[in-house]
Amino acid sequence: MRQIKLGSQYLYYVVGVLFLSSAILFISLTKASLNVLAKDRGHEQQKIQIVKIVKKTDDGGEIESVYKLPQATILPDHWSYGFKEIRDWLWLKMSPKKKRLKLALLLADKKIVEAQLLAKKGKYDLSIQTASKSVQKLKKGENVCSNKAEENVVLCSEVSNAHLAYTKILKSVLKNMGDNGDINRNVSTGHKNKKTEFERLIEEVENGYQEY
């Protein structure tokens, strides 16, 4: 019986077809999930964690309010998180321009929650990296809101509230770090002072706060 030898070109072809098929399937699923998310209440239904915030009024008074954050299902320390990052990137690229601010804010919210959960696990290095990404996404929202487009009034108010919520979360993480006597054993990094990193992020968020 004659043995059939498969050439390397055929093997590359099979691998290429499988890769292309997987990519098409992944993009299709991403687009489908984006369509679900794009429904009127799609973003709000994902937000379940409540953070109490206090806003200053023009006359020097204070108004108590709440900011809702989404649930984080997969954290950056999970092996499949890279696929989620690709999906989120595709979401932003595929979404209509007028809805990108809302989506970017949702993704920023998710990352600040992820940073909070990572800190609770003692993974402060990864928590700082994730919180930094969240702050960078929030700053993109600031840039959009600085144009003062009429259609973004409500969303830009949410961006302002996000600054207050993120500040409160980061300060809570910073406080917990101070209460954790094992922090030096839990942190393996070239940075000498993790508290300084969180303090820098807190300052960055506070400086970016603006009432739109």
Protein backbone atom coordinates (compact mmCIF):
# COMPACT_ATOMS: atom_id res chain seq x y z
CA MET A 1 0.00 0.00 0.00
CA ARG A 2 1.52 3.29 -1.10
CA GLN A 3 2.05 5.85 1.65
CA ILE A 4 0.94 9.40 0.88
CA LYS A 5 3.36 12.09 1.99
CA LEU A 6 1.92 15.49 2.72
CA GLY A 7 4.14 18.38 1.71
CA SER A 8 4.87 21.34 3.92
CA GLN A 9 2.89 23.61 1.59
CA TYR A 10 -0.25 21.54 2.16
CA LEU A 11 0.31 21.66 5.92
CA TYR A 12 0.66 25.44 5.81
CA TYR A 13 -2.53 25.60 3.76
CA VAL A 14 -4.48 23.56 6.33
CA VAL A 15 -3.15 25.64 9.21
CA GLY A 16 -3.98 28.83 7.32
CA VAL A 17 -7.53 27.70 6.61
CA LEU A 18 -8.07 26.74 10.25
CA PHE A 19 -6.66 30.06 11.45
CA LEU A 20 -8.79 32.05 9.00
CA SER A 21 -11.91 30.08 9.94
CA SER A 22 -11.27 30.66 13.64
CA ALA A 23 -10.70 34.37 13.03
CA ILE A 24 -13.95 34.69 11.06
CA LEU A 25 -15.86 32.84 13.77
CA PHE A 26 -14.33 35.00 16.51
CA ILE A 27 -15.15 38.23 14.65
CA SER A 28 -18.70 37.02 13.99
CA LEU A 29 -19.24 36.23 17.66
CA THR A 30 -17.71 39.57 18.62
CA LYS A 31 -20.04 41.42 16.27
CA ALA A 32 -23.04 39.49 17.59
CA SER A 33 -22.14 40.30 21.20
CA LEU A 34 -21.63 43.96 20.23
CA ASN A 35 -25.11 44.06 18.69
CA VAL A 36 -26.57 42.75 21.94
CA LEU A 37 -24.56 45.28 23.93
CA ALA A 38 -25.60 48.11 21.61
CA LYS A 39 -29.26 47.76 22.56
CA ASP A 40 -30.66 50.65 24.56
CA ARG A 41 -30.22 48.96 27.96
CA GLY A 42 -27.33 46.70 27.03
CA HIS A 43 -24.70 48.76 28.80
CA GLU A 44 -26.79 49.44 31.89
CA GLN A 45 -27.70 45.79 32.40
CA GLN A 46 -24.01 44.98 32.81
CA LYS A 47 -23.57 47.44 35.68
CA ILE A 48 -24.24 45.87 39.07
CA GLN A 49 -21.66 47.23 41.55
CA ILE A 50 -22.60 50.50 43.21
CA VAL A 51 -20.07 53.11 44.36
CA LYS A 52 -21.34 56.02 46.44
CA ILE A 53 -19.90 59.36 45.33
CA VAL A 54 -20.20 62.94 46.55
CA LYS A 55 -20.39 65.83 44.07
CA LYS A 56 -19.68 69.44 44.90
CA THR A 57 -22.26 72.08 43.94
CA ASP A 58 -21.58 75.62 42.73
CA ASP A 59 -22.68 77.06 46.07
CA GLY A 60 -20.22 74.90 48.01
CA GLY A 61 -22.73 72.24 49.00
CA GLU A 62 -22.59 68.51 48.38
CA ILE A 63 -24.84 66.07 46.55
CA GLU A 64 -24.67 62.34 47.18
CA SER A 65 -25.02 60.11 44.15
CA VAL A 66 -24.11 56.61 42.97
CA TYR A 67 -21.99 55.30 40.14
CA LYS A 68 -22.67 51.82 38.83
CA LEU A 69 -19.85 49.52 37.77
CA PRO A 70 -20.02 46.27 35.76
CA GLN A 71 -19.09 42.80 36.93
CA ALA A 72 -15.65 41.51 35.97
CA THR A 73 -15.93 37.89 34.82
CA ILE A 74 -12.34 37.30 33.63
CA LEU A 75 -9.29 38.90 35.20
CA PRO A 76 -5.95 39.68 33.50
CA ASP A 77 -4.29 36.83 35.40
CA HIS A 78 -6.43 34.29 33.52
CA TRP A 79 -4.98 32.57 30.44
CA SER A 80 -7.97 33.53 28.25
CA TYR A 81 -7.85 37.25 29.04
CA GLY A 82 -5.92 37.97 25.84
CA PHE A 83 -8.93 36.88 23.78
CA LYS A 84 -11.09 39.30 25.77
CA GLU A 85 -8.64 42.11 25.01
CA ILE A 86 -8.88 41.36 21.29
CA ARG A 87 -12.68 41.25 21.52
CA ASP A 88 -12.79 44.61 23.31
CA TRP A 89 -10.51 46.14 20.67
CA LEU A 90 -12.79 44.83 17.92
CA TRP A 91 -15.80 46.17 19.77
CA LEU A 92 -14.37 49.69 19.66
CA LYS A 93 -13.41 49.38 16.00
CA MET A 94 -16.79 47.97 14.95
CA SER A 95 -19.04 50.24 17.01
CA PRO A 96 -20.58 53.36 15.43
CA LYS A 97 -18.60 56.50 16.18
CA LYS A 98 -21.44 58.10 18.15
CA LYS A 99 -21.55 55.11 20.52
CA ARG A 100 -17.82 54.72 21.11
CA LEU A 101 -17.76 57.02 24.14
CA LYS A 102 -20.35 54.89 25.95
CA LEU A 103 -18.49 51.70 25.05
CA ALA A 104 -15.09 53.12 26.00
CA LEU A 105 -16.48 54.17 29.38
CA LEU A 106 -17.90 50.68 29.94
CA LEU A 107 -14.52 49.10 29.14
CA ALA A 108 -12.78 51.57 31.45
CA ASP A 109 -15.27 50.68 34.19
CA LYS A 110 -14.54 46.99 33.72
CA LYS A 111 -10.81 47.53 34.01
CA ILE A 112 -11.06 49.53 37.24
CA VAL A 113 -13.12 46.68 38.72
CA GLU A 114 -10.52 44.18 37.51
CA ALA A 115 -7.77 46.27 39.13
CA GLN A 116 -9.72 46.30 42.38
CA LEU A 117 -10.14 42.51 42.37
CA LEU A 118 -6.49 41.92 41.48
CA ALA A 119 -5.43 44.06 44.41
CA LYS A 120 -7.62 41.98 46.71
CA LYS A 121 -5.72 38.93 45.47
CA GLY A 122 -2.43 40.64 46.32
CA LYS A 123 -1.43 41.01 42.66
CA TYR A 124 -0.54 44.68 42.94
CA ASP A 125 1.73 44.84 39.89
CA LEU A 126 -1.01 43.60 37.60
CA SER A 127 -3.55 45.73 39.43
CA ILE A 128 -1.51 48.88 38.72
CA GLN A 129 -1.15 47.97 35.04
CA THR A 130 -4.88 47.35 34.71
CA ALA A 131 -5.83 50.51 36.60
CA SER A 132 -3.49 52.51 34.33
CA LYS A 133 -5.29 51.17 31.25
CA SER A 134 -8.61 52.12 32.82
CA VAL A 135 -7.41 55.67 33.46
CA GLN A 136 -6.10 55.97 29.89
CA LYS A 137 -9.52 54.97 28.51
CA LEU A 138 -11.16 57.48 30.83
CA LYS A 139 -8.83 60.20 29.52
CA LYS A 140 -10.02 59.45 25.98
CA GLY A 141 -13.51 60.17 27.25
CA GLU A 142 -12.24 63.49 28.61
CA ASN A 143 -10.95 64.40 25.14
CA VAL A 144 -14.35 63.70 23.58
CA CYS A 145 -16.18 65.65 26.28
CA SER A 146 -13.89 68.65 25.89
CA ASN A 147 -15.56 69.24 22.50
CA LYS A 148 -18.86 69.79 24.38
CA ALA A 149 -20.95 68.06 21.73
CA GLU A 150 -24.64 68.31 22.58
CA GLU A 151 -25.31 64.60 22.06
CA ASN A 152 -22.70 63.67 24.67
CA VAL A 153 -24.05 65.77 27.56
CA VAL A 154 -25.44 62.84 29.57
CA LEU A 155 -22.45 60.61 28.86
CA CYS A 156 -19.98 63.33 29.77
CA SER A 157 -21.74 63.71 33.09
CA GLU A 158 -21.06 59.99 33.58
CA VAL A 159 -17.40 60.59 32.73
CA SER A 160 -17.27 63.16 35.54
CA ASN A 161 -18.90 60.70 37.93
CA ALA A 162 -16.43 58.01 36.84
CA HIS A 163 -13.55 60.21 38.02
CA LEU A 164 -15.07 60.36 41.49
CA ALA A 165 -15.79 56.61 41.58
CA TYR A 166 -12.32 55.63 40.33
CA THR A 167 -10.69 57.93 42.88
CA LYS A 168 -12.66 56.30 45.68
CA ILE A 169 -11.76 52.78 44.48
CA LEU A 170 -8.06 53.56 44.10
CA LYS A 171 -7.93 55.20 47.53
CA SER A 172 -9.58 52.10 48.98
CA VAL A 173 -6.95 49.89 47.33
CA LEU A 174 -4.20 52.16 48.66
CA LYS A 175 -5.61 51.96 52.18
CA ASN A 176 -5.83 48.16 52.02
CA MET A 177 -2.21 48.02 50.89
CA GLY A 178 -1.22 49.93 54.00
CA ASP A 179 -3.15 47.46 56.15
CA ASN A 180 -1.48 44.47 54.51
CA GLY A 181 1.70 43.57 56.36
CA ASP A 182 2.62 40.96 53.76
CA ILE A 183 2.65 43.38 50.84
CA ASN A 184 6.42 43.16 50.27
CA ARG A 185 6.20 39.39 49.95
CA ASN A 186 3.23 39.61 47.59
CA VAL A 187 4.84 42.07 45.17
CA SER A 188 7.51 40.88 42.76
CA THR A 189 8.50 43.83 40.59
CA GLY A 190 11.25 46.32 39.89
CA HIS A 191 9.19 49.14 41.36
CA LYS A 192 10.27 50.09 44.85
CA ASN A 193 7.02 51.57 46.08
CA LYS A 194 3.62 50.34 44.93
CA LYS A 195 1.86 52.93 47.03
CA THR A 196 3.54 55.66 45.00
CA GLU A 197 2.19 54.14 41.80
CA PHE A 198 -1.37 54.13 43.11
CA GLU A 199 -0.94 57.65 44.49
CA ARG A 200 0.18 58.79 41.04
CA LEU A 201 -2.92 57.24 39.47
CA ILE A 202 -5.17 58.86 42.07
CA GLU A 203 -3.60 62.25 41.37
CA GLU A 204 -4.00 61.72 37.62
CA VAL A 205 -7.70 60.90 37.98
CA GLU A 206 -8.35 63.79 40.37
CA ASN A 207 -6.56 66.27 38.11
CA GLY A 208 -8.63 65.11 35.14
CA TYR A 209 -11.93 65.69 36.95
CA GLN A 210 -14.18 68.26 35.35
CA GLU A 211 -17.89 68.87 35.64
CA TYR A 212 -19.36 68.81 32.13
